[in-house]
Amino acid sequence: MVERLGSYLLGWKGYYRLAQTPRVWRALDEWLRHRLRAIQLKQWKRGKTQFRELRAQGAGVAVARRVAANSGCWWRNSGKQLNSVLNLAWFDRLGLPRLS
Protein backbone atom coordinates (compact mmCIF):
# COMPACT_ATOMS: atom_id res chain seq x y z
CA MET A 1 0.00 0.00 0.00
CA VAL A 2 2.89 2.36 0.77
CA GLU A 3 4.37 1.86 -2.70
CA ARG A 4 1.11 2.78 -4.42
CA LEU A 5 0.55 5.71 -2.09
CA GLY A 6 4.12 6.94 -2.64
CA SER A 7 3.58 7.43 -6.35
CA TYR A 8 0.47 9.53 -5.67
CA LEU A 9 2.27 11.62 -3.07
CA LEU A 10 5.17 12.33 -5.40
CA GLY A 11 2.69 13.33 -8.11
CA TRP A 12 0.84 15.69 -5.78
CA LYS A 13 4.10 17.15 -4.56
CA GLY A 14 5.26 17.74 -8.13
CA TYR A 15 1.96 19.24 -9.27
CA TYR A 16 1.47 21.57 -6.29
CA ARG A 17 5.14 22.40 -5.63
CA LEU A 18 4.68 26.06 -6.53
CA ALA A 19 1.88 26.57 -4.01
CA GLN A 20 2.95 28.47 -0.93
CA THR A 21 1.08 26.41 1.62
CA PRO A 22 3.59 24.76 3.96
CA ARG A 23 1.05 24.38 6.79
CA VAL A 24 -1.35 22.51 4.53
CA TRP A 25 1.43 20.13 3.44
CA ARG A 26 2.49 19.58 7.05
CA ALA A 27 -1.08 18.93 8.19
CA LEU A 28 -1.69 16.52 5.31
CA ASP A 29 1.57 14.73 6.07
CA GLU A 30 0.68 14.38 9.77
CA TRP A 31 -2.84 13.11 9.00
CA LEU A 32 -1.53 10.63 6.45
CA ARG A 33 0.98 9.14 8.89
CA HIS A 34 -1.70 9.04 11.60
CA ARG A 35 -3.98 7.13 9.23
CA LEU A 36 -1.23 4.68 8.24
CA ARG A 37 -0.48 3.99 11.91
CA ALA A 38 -4.16 3.26 12.50
CA ILE A 39 -4.25 0.92 9.51
CA GLN A 40 -1.18 -0.90 10.81
CA LEU A 41 -2.82 -1.38 14.21
CA LYS A 42 -5.98 -2.59 12.54
CA GLN A 43 -4.01 -5.14 10.54
CA TRP A 44 -2.41 -6.49 13.71
CA LYS A 45 -5.99 -7.03 15.01
CA ARG A 46 -5.60 -8.65 18.44
CA GLY A 47 -3.99 -7.19 21.53
CA LYS A 48 -1.46 -10.02 21.81
CA THR A 49 -0.31 -9.46 18.25
CA GLN A 50 -0.11 -5.70 18.76
CA PHE A 51 1.96 -6.18 21.91
CA ARG A 52 4.34 -8.62 20.19
CA GLU A 53 4.79 -6.45 17.08
CA LEU A 54 5.28 -3.23 19.04
CA ARG A 55 7.91 -4.89 21.22
CA ALA A 56 9.63 -6.09 18.03
CA GLN A 57 9.62 -2.48 16.75
CA GLY A 58 11.40 -1.35 19.93
CA ALA A 59 8.51 -0.08 22.03
CA GLY A 60 8.79 -0.16 25.79
CA VAL A 61 6.74 -2.66 27.74
CA ALA A 62 4.51 0.06 29.20
CA VAL A 63 3.69 1.61 25.81
CA ALA A 64 3.08 -1.75 24.15
CA ARG A 65 0.85 -2.83 27.03
CA ARG A 66 -1.22 0.38 26.90
CA VAL A 67 -1.77 0.09 23.16
CA ALA A 68 -2.57 -3.62 23.34
CA ALA A 69 -5.03 -3.09 26.20
CA ASN A 70 -6.94 -0.64 23.97
CA SER A 71 -6.67 -2.80 20.86
CA GLY A 72 -10.03 -1.71 19.44
CA CYS A 73 -9.25 2.02 19.52
CA TRP A 74 -7.02 2.23 16.46
CA TRP A 75 -7.44 5.91 15.73
CA ARG A 76 -6.88 7.05 19.32
CA ASN A 77 -3.86 4.80 19.82
CA SER A 78 -2.31 5.82 16.52
CA GLY A 79 -2.41 9.48 17.49
CA LYS A 80 -0.77 9.26 20.89
CA GLN A 81 1.22 6.22 21.88
CA LEU A 82 2.52 5.11 18.52
CA ASN A 83 4.25 8.33 17.53
CA SER A 84 7.33 7.28 19.48
CA VAL A 85 7.39 3.74 18.04
CA LEU A 86 6.16 4.09 14.45
CA ASN A 87 7.95 7.38 13.89
CA LEU A 88 9.32 9.15 10.81
CA ALA A 89 12.29 6.78 10.60
CA TRP A 90 9.89 3.83 10.36
CA PHE A 91 8.03 5.49 7.49
CA ASP A 92 11.34 6.32 5.80
CA ARG A 93 12.34 2.65 5.98
CA LEU A 94 9.02 1.78 4.33
CA GLY A 95 9.83 4.25 1.54
CA LEU A 96 6.99 6.73 2.09
CA PRO A 97 7.95 10.17 0.73
CA ARG A 98 7.49 13.21 2.93
CA LEU A 99 5.28 16.05 1.79
CA SER A 100 6.67 18.74 4.06
PDB file of N, CA and C in Angstrom:
ATOM      1  N   MET A   1       0.829  -1.182   0.000  1.00  0.00           N
ATOM      2  CA  MET A   1       0.000   0.000   0.000  1.00  0.00           C
ATOM      3  C   MET A   1       0.881   1.256   0.000  1.00  0.00           C
ATOM      4  N   VAL A   2       2.012   1.198   0.707  1.00  0.00           N
ATOM      5  CA  VAL A   2       2.891   2.362   0.774  1.00  0.00           C
ATOM      6  C   VAL A   2       3.498   2.666  -0.590  1.00  0.00           C
ATOM      7  N   GLU A   3       3.813   1.644  -1.362  1.00  0.00           N
ATOM      8  CA  GLU A   3       4.371   1.864  -2.701  1.00  0.00           C
ATOM      9  C   GLU A   3       3.375   2.593  -3.602  1.00  0.00           C
ATOM     10  N   ARG A   4       2.135   2.126  -3.591  1.00  0.00           N
ATOM     11  CA  ARG A   4       1.106   2.776  -4.416  1.00  0.00           C
ATOM     12  C   ARG A   4       0.841   4.197  -3.944  1.00  0.00           C
ATOM     13  N   LEU A   5       0.793   4.393  -2.647  1.00  0.00           N
ATOM     14  CA  LEU A   5       0.549   5.712  -2.091  1.00  0.00           C
ATOM     15  C   LEU A   5       1.714   6.651  -2.382  1.00  0.00           C
ATOM     16  N   GLY A   6       2.932   6.116  -2.371  1.00  0.00           N
ATOM     17  CA  GLY A   6       4.116   6.939  -2.635  1.00  0.00           C
ATOM     18  C   GLY A   6       4.100   7.579  -4.006  1.00  0.00           C
ATOM     19  N   SER A   7       3.628   6.843  -5.005  1.00  0.00           N
ATOM     20  CA  SER A   7       3.575   7.432  -6.346  1.00  0.00           C
ATOM     21  C   SER A   7       2.565   8.578  -6.405  1.00  0.00           C
ATOM     22  N   TYR A   8       1.443   8.437  -5.717  1.00  0.00           N
ATOM     23  CA  TYR A   8       0.465   9.527  -5.672  1.00  0.00           C
ATOM     24  C   TYR A   8       1.043  10.745  -4.954  1.00  0.00           C
ATOM     25  N   LEU A   9       1.718  10.508  -3.840  1.00  0.00           N
ATOM     26  CA  LEU A   9       2.274  11.619  -3.074  1.00  0.00           C
ATOM     27  C   LEU A   9       3.318  12.376  -3.872  1.00  0.00           C
ATOM     28  N   LEU A  10       4.169  11.656  -4.568  1.00  0.00           N
ATOM     29  CA  LEU A  10       5.170  12.331  -5.398  1.00  0.00           C
ATOM     30  C   LEU A  10       4.503  13.125  -6.515  1.00  0.00           C
ATOM     31  N   GLY A  11       3.420  12.598  -7.079  1.00  0.00           N
ATOM     32  CA  GLY A  11       2.685  13.330  -8.114  1.00  0.00           C
ATOM     33  C   GLY A  11       2.058  14.596  -7.576  1.00  0.00           C
ATOM     34  N   TRP A  12       1.446  14.511  -6.398  1.00  0.00           N
ATOM     35  CA  TRP A  12       0.844  15.694  -5.777  1.00  0.00           C
ATOM     36  C   TRP A  12       1.911  16.727  -5.454  1.00  0.00           C
ATOM     37  N   LYS A  13       3.020  16.236  -4.929  1.00  0.00           N
ATOM     38  CA  LYS A  13       4.102  17.147  -4.561  1.00  0.00           C
ATOM     39  C   LYS A  13       4.645  17.862  -5.794  1.00  0.00           C
ATOM     40  N   GLY A  14       4.786  17.129  -6.900  1.00  0.00           N
ATOM     41  CA  GLY A  14       5.264  17.736  -8.132  1.00  0.00           C
ATOM     42  C   GLY A  14       4.267  18.713  -8.729  1.00  0.00           C
ATOM     43  N   TYR A  15       2.989  18.387  -8.671  1.00  0.00           N
ATOM     44  CA  TYR A  15       1.964  19.236  -9.267  1.00  0.00           C
ATOM     45  C   TYR A  15       1.765  20.522  -8.470  1.00  0.00           C
ATOM     46  N   TYR A  16       1.759  20.413  -7.142  1.00  0.00           N
ATOM     47  CA  TYR A  16       1.466  21.569  -6.294  1.00  0.00           C
ATOM     48  C   TYR A  16       2.727  22.199  -5.699  1.00  0.00           C
ATOM     49  N   ARG A  17       3.899  21.926  -6.250  1.00  0.00           N
ATOM     50  CA  ARG A  17       5.141  22.395  -5.635  1.00  0.00           C
ATOM     51  C   ARG A  17       5.259  23.911  -5.604  1.00  0.00           C
ATOM     52  N   LEU A  18       4.579  24.603  -6.495  1.00  0.00           N
ATOM     53  CA  LEU A  18       4.675  26.057  -6.528  1.00  0.00           C
ATOM     54  C   LEU A  18       3.732  26.737  -5.537  1.00  0.00           C
ATOM     55  N   ALA A  19       2.814  25.982  -4.976  1.00  0.00           N
ATOM     56  CA  ALA A  19       1.879  26.566  -4.013  1.00  0.00           C
ATOM     57  C   ALA A  19       2.618  26.913  -2.721  1.00  0.00           C
ATOM     58  N   GLN A  20       2.288  28.034  -2.164  1.00  0.00           N
ATOM     59  CA  GLN A  20       2.955  28.469  -0.933  1.00  0.00           C
ATOM     60  C   GLN A  20       2.065  28.142   0.261  1.00  0.00           C
ATOM     61  N   THR A  21       1.941  26.869   0.535  1.00  0.00           N
ATOM     62  CA  THR A  21       1.082  26.410   1.624  1.00  0.00           C
ATOM     63  C   THR A  21       1.800  25.360   2.482  1.00  0.00           C
ATOM     64  N   PRO A  22       2.854  25.749   3.192  1.00  0.00           N
ATOM     65  CA  PRO A  22       3.593  24.756   3.964  1.00  0.00           C
ATOM     66  C   PRO A  22       2.779  24.147   5.102  1.00  0.00           C
ATOM     67  N   ARG A  23       1.874  24.932   5.706  1.00  0.00           N
ATOM     68  CA  ARG A  23       1.048  24.384   6.793  1.00  0.00           C
ATOM     69  C   ARG A  23       0.093  23.316   6.285  1.00  0.00           C
ATOM     70  N   VAL A  24      -0.435  23.501   5.102  1.00  0.00           N
ATOM     71  CA  VAL A  24      -1.348  22.509   4.526  1.00  0.00           C
ATOM     72  C   VAL A  24      -0.594  21.215   4.255  1.00  0.00           C
ATOM     73  N   TRP A  25       0.622  21.328   3.695  1.00  0.00           N
ATOM     74  CA  TRP A  25       1.428  20.131   3.439  1.00  0.00           C
ATOM     75  C   TRP A  25       1.759  19.407   4.741  1.00  0.00           C
ATOM     76  N   ARG A  26       2.135  20.175   5.764  1.00  0.00           N
ATOM     77  CA  ARG A  26       2.491  19.578   7.053  1.00  0.00           C
ATOM     78  C   ARG A  26       1.290  18.887   7.673  1.00  0.00           C
ATOM     79  N   ALA A  27       0.130  19.530   7.628  1.00  0.00           N
ATOM     80  CA  ALA A  27      -1.083  18.934   8.191  1.00  0.00           C
ATOM     81  C   ALA A  27      -1.479  17.667   7.435  1.00  0.00           C
ATOM     82  N   LEU A  28      -1.369  17.705   6.116  1.00  0.00           N
ATOM     83  CA  LEU A  28      -1.690  16.520   5.314  1.00  0.00           C
ATOM     84  C   LEU A  28      -0.713  15.383   5.601  1.00  0.00           C
ATOM     85  N   ASP A  29       0.551  15.723   5.754  1.00  0.00           N
ATOM     86  CA  ASP A  29       1.569  14.726   6.066  1.00  0.00           C
ATOM     87  C   ASP A  29       1.308  14.087   7.433  1.00  0.00           C
ATOM     88  N   GLU A  30       0.972  14.905   8.430  1.00  0.00           N
ATOM     89  CA  GLU A  30       0.683  14.384   9.767  1.00  0.00           C
ATOM     90  C   GLU A  30      -0.557  13.487   9.746  1.00  0.00           C
ATOM     91  N   TRP A  31      -1.614  13.920   9.052  1.00  0.00           N
ATOM     92  CA  TRP A  31      -2.836  13.115   9.000  1.00  0.00           C
ATOM     93  C   TRP A  31      -2.585  11.793   8.289  1.00  0.00           C
ATOM     94  N   LEU A  32      -1.810  11.840   7.215  1.00  0.00           N
ATOM     95  CA  LEU A  32      -1.525  10.632   6.446  1.00  0.00           C
ATOM     96  C   LEU A  32      -0.770   9.606   7.293  1.00  0.00           C
ATOM     97  N   ARG A  33       0.221  10.056   8.035  1.00  0.00           N
ATOM     98  CA  ARG A  33       0.975   9.140   8.892  1.00  0.00           C
ATOM     99  C   ARG A  33       0.107   8.621  10.036  1.00  0.00           C
ATOM    100  N   HIS A  34      -0.747   9.462  10.559  1.00  0.00           N
ATOM    101  CA  HIS A  34      -1.696   9.042  11.595  1.00  0.00           C
ATOM    102  C   HIS A  34      -2.602   7.933  11.055  1.00  0.00           C
ATOM    103  N   ARG A  35      -3.099   8.118   9.857  1.00  0.00           N
ATOM    104  CA  ARG A  35      -3.976   7.131   9.232  1.00  0.00           C
ATOM    105  C   ARG A  35      -3.238   5.814   8.961  1.00  0.00           C
ATOM    106  N   LEU A  36      -2.002   5.902   8.510  1.00  0.00           N
ATOM    107  CA  LEU A  36      -1.231   4.685   8.240  1.00  0.00           C
ATOM    108  C   LEU A  36      -0.910   3.929   9.530  1.00  0.00           C
ATOM    109  N   ARG A  37      -0.675   4.666  10.619  1.00  0.00           N
ATOM    110  CA  ARG A  37      -0.478   3.987  11.910  1.00  0.00           C
ATOM    111  C   ARG A  37      -1.741   3.268  12.339  1.00  0.00           C
ATOM    112  N   ALA A  38      -2.888   3.902  12.154  1.00  0.00           N
ATOM    113  CA  ALA A  38      -4.160   3.265  12.505  1.00  0.00           C
ATOM    114  C   ALA A  38      -4.400   2.017  11.660  1.00  0.00           C
ATOM    115  N   ILE A  39      -4.077   2.084  10.384  1.00  0.00           N
ATOM    116  CA  ILE A  39      -4.247   0.923   9.509  1.00  0.00           C
ATOM    117  C   ILE A  39      -3.330  -0.210   9.958  1.00  0.00           C
ATOM    118  N   GLN A  40      -2.106   0.139  10.341  1.00  0.00           N
ATOM    119  CA  GLN A  40      -1.185  -0.895  10.807  1.00  0.00           C
ATOM    120  C   GLN A  40      -1.716  -1.568  12.072  1.00  0.00           C
ATOM    121  N   LEU A  41      -2.234  -0.790  12.995  1.00  0.00           N
ATOM    122  CA  LEU A  41      -2.819  -1.376  14.212  1.00  0.00           C
ATOM    123  C   LEU A  41      -4.008  -2.257  13.870  1.00  0.00           C
ATOM    124  N   LYS A  42      -4.816  -1.812  12.935  1.00  0.00           N
ATOM    125  CA  LYS A  42      -5.981  -2.592  12.542  1.00  0.00           C
ATOM    126  C   LYS A  42      -5.567  -3.914  11.894  1.00  0.00           C
ATOM    127  N   GLN A  43      -4.480  -3.913  11.164  1.00  0.00           N
ATOM    128  CA  GLN A  43      -4.007  -5.141  10.543  1.00  0.00           C
ATOM    129  C   GLN A  43      -3.450  -6.120  11.569  1.00  0.00           C
ATOM    130  N   TRP A  44      -2.908  -5.608  12.666  1.00  0.00           N
ATOM    131  CA  TRP A  44      -2.405  -6.486  13.713  1.00  0.00           C
ATOM    132  C   TRP A  44      -3.530  -7.110  14.530  1.00  0.00           C
ATOM    133  N   LYS A  45      -4.731  -6.534  14.459  1.00  0.00           N
ATOM    134  CA  LYS A  45      -5.990  -7.029  15.013  1.00  0.00           C
ATOM    135  C   LYS A  45      -6.003  -7.232  16.525  1.00  0.00           C
ATOM    136  N   ARG A  46      -5.446  -8.302  17.025  1.00  0.00           N
ATOM    137  CA  ARG A  46      -5.602  -8.646  18.438  1.00  0.00           C
ATOM    138  C   ARG A  46      -4.561  -7.960  19.305  1.00  0.00           C
ATOM    139  N   GLY A  47      -4.888  -7.829  20.584  1.00  0.00           N
ATOM    140  CA  GLY A  47      -3.989  -7.187  21.526  1.00  0.00           C
ATOM    141  C   GLY A  47      -2.669  -7.915  21.685  1.00  0.00           C
ATOM    142  N   LYS A  48      -2.704  -9.248  21.675  1.00  0.00           N
ATOM    143  CA  LYS A  48      -1.464 -10.019  21.806  1.00  0.00           C
ATOM    144  C   LYS A  48      -0.537  -9.771  20.623  1.00  0.00           C
ATOM    145  N   THR A  49      -1.112  -9.717  19.450  1.00  0.00           N
ATOM    146  CA  THR A  49      -0.307  -9.464  18.252  1.00  0.00           C
ATOM    147  C   THR A  49       0.242  -8.045  18.273  1.00  0.00           C
ATOM    148  N   GLN A  50      -0.572  -7.085  18.671  1.00  0.00           N
ATOM    149  CA  GLN A  50      -0.105  -5.703  18.758  1.00  0.00           C
ATOM    150  C   GLN A  50       1.043  -5.585  19.747  1.00  0.00           C
ATOM    151  N   PHE A  51       0.907  -6.226  20.906  1.00  0.00           N
ATOM    152  CA  PHE A  51       1.961  -6.184  21.909  1.00  0.00           C
ATOM    153  C   PHE A  51       3.250  -6.779  21.353  1.00  0.00           C
ATOM    154  N   ARG A  52       3.162  -7.943  20.736  1.00  0.00           N
ATOM    155  CA  ARG A  52       4.343  -8.616  20.194  1.00  0.00           C
ATOM    156  C   ARG A  52       5.011  -7.772  19.105  1.00  0.00           C
ATOM    157  N   GLU A  53       4.221  -7.235  18.188  1.00  0.00           N
ATOM    158  CA  GLU A  53       4.793  -6.455  17.084  1.00  0.00           C
ATOM    159  C   GLU A  53       5.388  -5.132  17.571  1.00  0.00           C
ATOM    160  N   LEU A  54       4.740  -4.489  18.521  1.00  0.00           N
ATOM    161  CA  LEU A  54       5.284  -3.228  19.043  1.00  0.00           C
ATOM    162  C   LEU A  54       6.588  -3.461  19.787  1.00  0.00           C
ATOM    163  N   ARG A  55       6.656  -4.561  20.531  1.00  0.00           N
ATOM    164  CA  ARG A  55       7.909  -4.893  21.218  1.00  0.00           C
ATOM    165  C   ARG A  55       9.008  -5.167  20.194  1.00  0.00           C
ATOM    166  N   ALA A  56       8.657  -5.816  19.085  1.00  0.00           N
ATOM    167  CA  ALA A  56       9.635  -6.090  18.029  1.00  0.00           C
ATOM    168  C   ALA A  56      10.109  -4.798  17.363  1.00  0.00           C
ATOM    169  N   GLN A  57       9.254  -3.779  17.333  1.00  0.00           N
ATOM    170  CA  GLN A  57       9.620  -2.484  16.747  1.00  0.00           C
ATOM    171  C   GLN A  57      10.436  -1.633  17.711  1.00  0.00           C
ATOM    172  N   GLY A  58      10.574  -2.086  18.963  1.00  0.00           N
ATOM    173  CA  GLY A  58      11.395  -1.352  19.928  1.00  0.00           C
ATOM    174  C   GLY A  58      10.606  -0.555  20.944  1.00  0.00           C
ATOM    175  N   ALA A  59       9.327  -0.797  21.049  1.00  0.00           N
ATOM    176  CA  ALA A  59       8.510  -0.080  22.031  1.00  0.00           C
ATOM    177  C   ALA A  59       8.798  -0.610  23.425  1.00  0.00           C
ATOM    178  N   GLY A  60       8.654   0.260  24.403  1.00  0.00           N
ATOM    179  CA  GLY A  60       8.793  -0.162  25.785  1.00  0.00           C
ATOM    180  C   GLY A  60       7.612  -1.038  26.193  1.00  0.00           C
ATOM    181  N   VAL A  61       7.796  -1.764  27.277  1.00  0.00           N
ATOM    182  CA  VAL A  61       6.737  -2.662  27.742  1.00  0.00           C
ATOM    183  C   VAL A  61       5.487  -1.874  28.109  1.00  0.00           C
ATOM    184  N   ALA A  62       5.658  -0.725  28.756  1.00  0.00           N
ATOM    185  CA  ALA A  62       4.511   0.064  29.196  1.00  0.00           C
ATOM    186  C   ALA A  62       3.700   0.585  28.006  1.00  0.00           C
ATOM    187  N   VAL A  63       4.387   1.088  26.995  1.00  0.00           N
ATOM    188  CA  VAL A  63       3.694   1.614  25.808  1.00  0.00           C
ATOM    189  C   VAL A  63       2.989   0.492  25.072  1.00  0.00           C
ATOM    190  N   ALA A  64       3.683  -0.616  24.869  1.00  0.00           N
ATOM    191  CA  ALA A  64       3.078  -1.747  24.152  1.00  0.00           C
ATOM    192  C   ALA A  64       1.882  -2.296  24.915  1.00  0.00           C
ATOM    193  N   ARG A  65       1.965  -2.321  26.221  1.00  0.00           N
ATOM    194  CA  ARG A  65       0.848  -2.827  27.026  1.00  0.00           C
ATOM    195  C   ARG A  65      -0.360  -1.898  26.937  1.00  0.00           C
ATOM    196  N   ARG A  66      -0.110  -0.573  26.990  1.00  0.00           N
ATOM    197  CA  ARG A  66      -1.219   0.382  26.900  1.00  0.00           C
ATOM    198  C   ARG A  66      -1.928   0.299  25.558  1.00  0.00           C
ATOM    199  N   VAL A  67      -1.168   0.175  24.489  1.00  0.00           N
ATOM    200  CA  VAL A  67      -1.767   0.089  23.161  1.00  0.00           C
ATOM    201  C   VAL A  67      -2.523  -1.220  23.008  1.00  0.00           C
ATOM    202  N   ALA A  68      -1.934  -2.313  23.467  1.00  0.00           N
ATOM    203  CA  ALA A  68      -2.572  -3.624  23.336  1.00  0.00           C
ATOM    204  C   ALA A  68      -3.831  -3.719  24.193  1.00  0.00           C
ATOM    205  N   ALA A  69      -3.849  -3.054  25.334  1.00  0.00           N
ATOM    206  CA  ALA A  69      -5.032  -3.086  26.197  1.00  0.00           C
ATOM    207  C   ALA A  69      -6.211  -2.376  25.545  1.00  0.00           C
ATOM    208  N   ASN A  70      -5.919  -1.408  24.686  1.00  0.00           N
ATOM    209  CA  ASN A  70      -6.943  -0.643  23.974  1.00  0.00           C
ATOM    210  C   ASN A  70      -6.960  -1.057  22.512  1.00  0.00           C
ATOM    211  N   SER A  71      -6.902  -2.339  22.232  1.00  0.00           N
ATOM    212  CA  SER A  71      -6.671  -2.801  20.864  1.00  0.00           C
ATOM    213  C   SER A  71      -7.767  -2.423  19.888  1.00  0.00           C
ATOM    214  N   GLY A  72      -8.950  -2.077  20.351  1.00  0.00           N
ATOM    215  CA  GLY A  72     -10.030  -1.709  19.443  1.00  0.00           C
ATOM    216  C   GLY A  72     -10.063  -0.237  19.080  1.00  0.00           C
ATOM    217  N   CYS A  73      -9.262   0.569  19.750  1.00  0.00           N
ATOM    218  CA  CYS A  73      -9.254   2.020  19.523  1.00  0.00           C
ATOM    219  C   CYS A  73      -8.073   2.393  18.633  1.00  0.00           C
ATOM    220  N   TRP A  74      -8.144   2.035  17.361  1.00  0.00           N
ATOM    221  CA  TRP A  74      -7.019   2.234  16.460  1.00  0.00           C
ATOM    222  C   TRP A  74      -6.700   3.699  16.263  1.00  0.00           C
ATOM    223  N   TRP A  75      -7.694   4.503  16.034  1.00  0.00           N
ATOM    224  CA  TRP A  75      -7.439   5.914  15.732  1.00  0.00           C
ATOM    225  C   TRP A  75      -6.846   6.640  16.933  1.00  0.00           C
ATOM    226  N   ARG A  76      -7.385   6.394  18.117  1.00  0.00           N
ATOM    227  CA  ARG A  76      -6.880   7.053  19.316  1.00  0.00           C
ATOM    228  C   ARG A  76      -5.456   6.600  19.622  1.00  0.00           C
ATOM    229  N   ASN A  77      -5.201   5.308  19.542  1.00  0.00           N
ATOM    230  CA  ASN A  77      -3.860   4.801  19.820  1.00  0.00           C
ATOM    231  C   ASN A  77      -2.845   5.280  18.792  1.00  0.00           C
ATOM    232  N   SER A  78      -3.251   5.413  17.558  1.00  0.00           N
ATOM    233  CA  SER A  78      -2.307   5.818  16.516  1.00  0.00           C
ATOM    234  C   SER A  78      -1.939   7.293  16.631  1.00  0.00           C
ATOM    235  N   GLY A  79      -2.703   8.059  17.353  1.00  0.00           N
ATOM    236  CA  GLY A  79      -2.414   9.476  17.495  1.00  0.00           C
ATOM    237  C   GLY A  79      -1.559   9.811  18.695  1.00  0.00           C
ATOM    238  N   LYS A  80      -1.494   8.927  19.658  1.00  0.00           N
ATOM    239  CA  LYS A  80      -0.772   9.262  20.886  1.00  0.00           C
ATOM    240  C   LYS A  80       0.430   8.363  21.120  1.00  0.00           C
ATOM    241  N   GLN A  81       0.179   7.130  21.435  1.00  0.00           N
ATOM    242  CA  GLN A  81       1.223   6.224  21.883  1.00  0.00           C
ATOM    243  C   GLN A  81       2.187   5.810  20.782  1.00  0.00           C
ATOM    244  N   LEU A  82       1.701   5.672  19.580  1.00  0.00           N
ATOM    245  CA  LEU A  82       2.523   5.107  18.519  1.00  0.00           C
ATOM    246  C   LEU A  82       3.491   6.086  17.870  1.00  0.00           C
ATOM    247  N   ASN A  83       3.357   7.363  18.152  1.00  0.00           N
ATOM    248  CA  ASN A  83       4.253   8.335  17.531  1.00  0.00           C
ATOM    249  C   ASN A  83       5.707   8.085  17.892  1.00  0.00           C
ATOM    250  N   SER A  84       5.949   7.539  19.076  1.00  0.00           N
ATOM    251  CA  SER A  84       7.329   7.278  19.482  1.00  0.00           C
ATOM    252  C   SER A  84       7.852   5.972  18.892  1.00  0.00           C
ATOM    253  N   VAL A  85       6.963   5.044  18.549  1.00  0.00           N
ATOM    254  CA  VAL A  85       7.391   3.740  18.036  1.00  0.00           C
ATOM    255  C   VAL A  85       7.397   3.733  16.509  1.00  0.00           C
ATOM    256  N   LEU A  86       6.265   4.040  15.913  1.00  0.00           N
ATOM    257  CA  LEU A  86       6.162   4.089  14.450  1.00  0.00           C
ATOM    258  C   LEU A  86       6.383   5.536  14.021  1.00  0.00           C
ATOM    259  N   ASN A  87       7.616   5.978  14.114  1.00  0.00           N
ATOM    260  CA  ASN A  87       7.955   7.377  13.893  1.00  0.00           C
ATOM    261  C   ASN A  87       8.366   7.628  12.441  1.00  0.00           C
ATOM    262  N   LEU A  88       8.933   8.795  12.183  1.00  0.00           N
ATOM    263  CA  LEU A  88       9.323   9.154  10.812  1.00  0.00           C
ATOM    264  C   LEU A  88      10.360   8.198  10.247  1.00  0.00           C
ATOM    265  N   ALA A  89      11.270   7.721  11.086  1.00  0.00           N
ATOM    266  CA  ALA A  89      12.288   6.785  10.601  1.00  0.00           C
ATOM    267  C   ALA A  89      11.644   5.487  10.120  1.00  0.00           C
ATOM    268  N   TRP A  90      10.588   5.046  10.776  1.00  0.00           N
ATOM    269  CA  TRP A  90       9.886   3.831  10.364  1.00  0.00           C
ATOM    270  C   TRP A  90       9.246   4.032   8.989  1.00  0.00           C
ATOM    271  N   PHE A  91       8.630   5.195   8.791  1.00  0.00           N
ATOM    272  CA  PHE A  91       8.028   5.492   7.493  1.00  0.00           C
ATOM    273  C   PHE A  91       9.098   5.659   6.412  1.00  0.00           C
ATOM    274  N   ASP A  92      10.246   6.208   6.772  1.00  0.00           N
ATOM    275  CA  ASP A  92      11.341   6.324   5.805  1.00  0.00           C
ATOM    276  C   ASP A  92      11.839   4.952   5.372  1.00  0.00           C
ATOM    277  N   ARG A  93      11.917   4.009   6.317  1.00  0.00           N
ATOM    278  CA  ARG A  93      12.339   2.651   5.977  1.00  0.00           C
ATOM    279  C   ARG A  93      11.317   1.973   5.054  1.00  0.00           C
ATOM    280  N   LEU A  94      10.044   2.330   5.212  1.00  0.00           N
ATOM    281  CA  LEU A  94       9.020   1.785   4.329  1.00  0.00           C
ATOM    282  C   LEU A  94       9.084   2.411   2.931  1.00  0.00           C
ATOM    283  N   GLY A  95       9.692   3.590   2.842  1.00  0.00           N
ATOM    284  CA  GLY A  95       9.826   4.254   1.544  1.00  0.00           C
ATOM    285  C   GLY A  95       8.728   5.268   1.257  1.00  0.00           C
ATOM    286  N   LEU A  96       8.046   5.730   2.287  1.00  0.00           N
ATOM    287  CA  LEU A  96       6.986   6.731   2.092  1.00  0.00           C
ATOM    288  C   LEU A  96       7.609   8.123   1.971  1.00  0.00           C
ATOM    289  N   PRO A  97       7.379   8.839   0.880  1.00  0.00           N
ATOM    290  CA  PRO A  97       7.954  10.169   0.731  1.00  0.00           C
ATOM    291  C   PRO A  97       7.267  11.174   1.650  1.00  0.00           C
ATOM    292  N   ARG A  98       8.031  12.151   2.072  1.00  0.00           N
ATOM    293  CA  ARG A  98       7.493  13.215   2.933  1.00  0.00           C
ATOM    294  C   ARG A  98       6.945  14.345   2.061  1.00  0.00           C
ATOM    295  N   LEU A  99       5.858  14.937   2.517  1.00  0.00           N
ATOM    296  CA  LEU A  99       5.282  16.053   1.789  1.00  0.00           C
ATOM    297  C   LEU A  99       5.846  17.391   2.265  1.00  0.00           C
ATOM    298  N   SER A 100       6.176  17.464   3.537  1.00  0.00           N
ATOM    299  CA  SER A 100       6.666  18.738   4.064  1.00  0.00           C
ATOM    300  C   SER A 100       8.159  18.718   4.275  1.00  0.00           C
TER     301      SER A 100
END
